Amino acid sequence: MQAPTVDEKEVLAGFKRHDSDAAWFKERKAALLTQYAGQFIAIYDRRIVGVGEALQDALRSAEAAGIDPRKCLIELIATEDWISIL
């Protein structure tokens, strides 16, 4: 079986967008807490494209907005400090 073709420019653009979206989120985290506390948000190109109380809801919301949720930065706007183990 042949490996799928990978577009290097597209992959690099995705990494850059992710870094940009993460910086955007970090800059606005306190403000987002007041509006989206306890919810998941999907961020794409430095804007919120999906929101939901459950992860699946945020992913569906992004998809309904015409954005591939696999390309989004997903954040939980936690009201307390959380530790994530991946």
Protein backbone atom coordinates (compact mmCIF):
# COMPACT_ATOMS: atom_id res chain seq x y z
CA MET A 1 0.00 0.00 0.00
CA GLN A 2 1.33 3.41 -1.00
CA ALA A 3 1.60 6.18 1.60
CA PRO A 4 -0.68 9.18 1.04
CA THR A 5 0.82 12.23 -0.62
CA VAL A 6 1.60 15.04 1.80
CA ASP A 7 1.63 18.67 0.75
CA GLU A 8 4.54 20.07 2.77
CA LYS A 9 3.42 23.68 2.30
CA GLU A 10 -0.06 22.86 3.58
CA VAL A 11 1.36 21.08 6.63
CA LEU A 12 3.68 23.98 7.45
CA ALA A 13 0.83 26.47 7.00
CA GLY A 14 -1.24 24.38 9.44
CA PHE A 15 1.54 24.49 12.05
CA LYS A 16 1.89 28.26 11.65
CA ARG A 17 -1.89 28.76 11.94
CA HIS A 18 -1.98 26.59 15.07
CA ASP A 19 0.83 28.63 16.68
CA SER A 20 -0.92 31.87 15.74
CA ASP A 21 -4.25 30.61 17.13
CA ALA A 22 -2.56 29.50 20.37
CA ALA A 23 -0.97 32.95 20.80
CA TRP A 24 -4.33 34.61 20.09
CA PHE A 25 -5.99 32.42 22.71
CA LYS A 26 -3.30 33.11 25.30
CA GLU A 27 -3.65 36.88 24.79
CA ARG A 28 -7.42 36.73 25.27
CA LYS A 29 -7.81 33.92 27.80
CA ALA A 30 -8.99 36.16 30.67
CA ALA A 31 -11.62 37.88 28.52
CA LEU A 32 -12.78 34.56 27.06
CA LEU A 33 -13.26 33.21 30.58
CA THR A 34 -16.04 35.71 31.25
CA GLN A 35 -17.94 34.77 28.10
CA TYR A 36 -17.20 31.06 27.65
CA ALA A 37 -16.54 29.72 31.18
CA GLY A 38 -16.92 25.95 31.34
CA GLN A 39 -17.22 25.54 27.57
CA PHE A 40 -15.07 24.24 24.78
CA ILE A 41 -14.15 26.64 21.99
CA ALA A 42 -12.81 25.88 18.53
CA ILE A 43 -10.40 28.49 17.14
CA TYR A 44 -9.40 28.82 13.49
CA ASP A 45 -7.50 31.75 11.96
CA ARG A 46 -7.60 33.70 15.23
CA ARG A 47 -11.38 33.59 15.58
CA ILE A 48 -13.84 31.42 17.45
CA VAL A 49 -15.65 29.17 15.00
CA GLY A 50 -17.33 26.78 17.42
CA VAL A 51 -18.55 26.66 21.01
CA GLY A 52 -20.14 23.97 23.13
CA GLU A 53 -20.52 22.64 26.65
CA ALA A 54 -19.23 19.30 25.36
CA LEU A 55 -16.26 18.80 23.07
CA GLN A 56 -18.45 17.20 20.39
CA ASP A 57 -20.75 20.24 20.43
CA ALA A 58 -17.84 22.60 19.73
CA LEU A 59 -16.60 20.34 16.92
CA ARG A 60 -20.07 20.17 15.35
CA SER A 61 -20.43 23.93 15.69
CA ALA A 62 -17.14 24.49 13.83
CA GLU A 63 -18.20 22.06 11.13
CA ALA A 64 -21.55 23.86 10.77
CA ALA A 65 -19.56 27.06 10.21
CA GLY A 66 -17.79 25.37 7.30
CA ILE A 67 -14.50 24.73 9.12
CA ASP A 68 -12.85 21.31 9.32
CA PRO A 69 -12.74 20.74 13.09
CA ARG A 70 -9.56 18.69 12.72
CA LYS A 71 -7.78 21.91 11.76
CA CYS A 72 -9.01 23.88 14.78
CA LEU A 73 -7.29 24.62 18.03
CA ILE A 74 -9.65 23.33 20.73
CA GLU A 75 -9.56 24.83 24.22
CA LEU A 76 -11.58 24.21 27.35
CA ILE A 77 -12.27 27.49 29.12
CA ALA A 78 -11.82 26.10 32.60
CA THR A 79 -12.96 28.04 35.64
CA GLU A 80 -10.28 26.35 37.74
CA ASP A 81 -6.71 25.26 37.06
CA TRP A 82 -6.71 21.92 35.28
CA ILE A 83 -3.95 19.46 34.66
CA SER A 84 -4.18 17.58 31.38
CA ILE A 85 -2.40 14.30 30.89
CA LEU A 86 -2.05 13.36 27.25
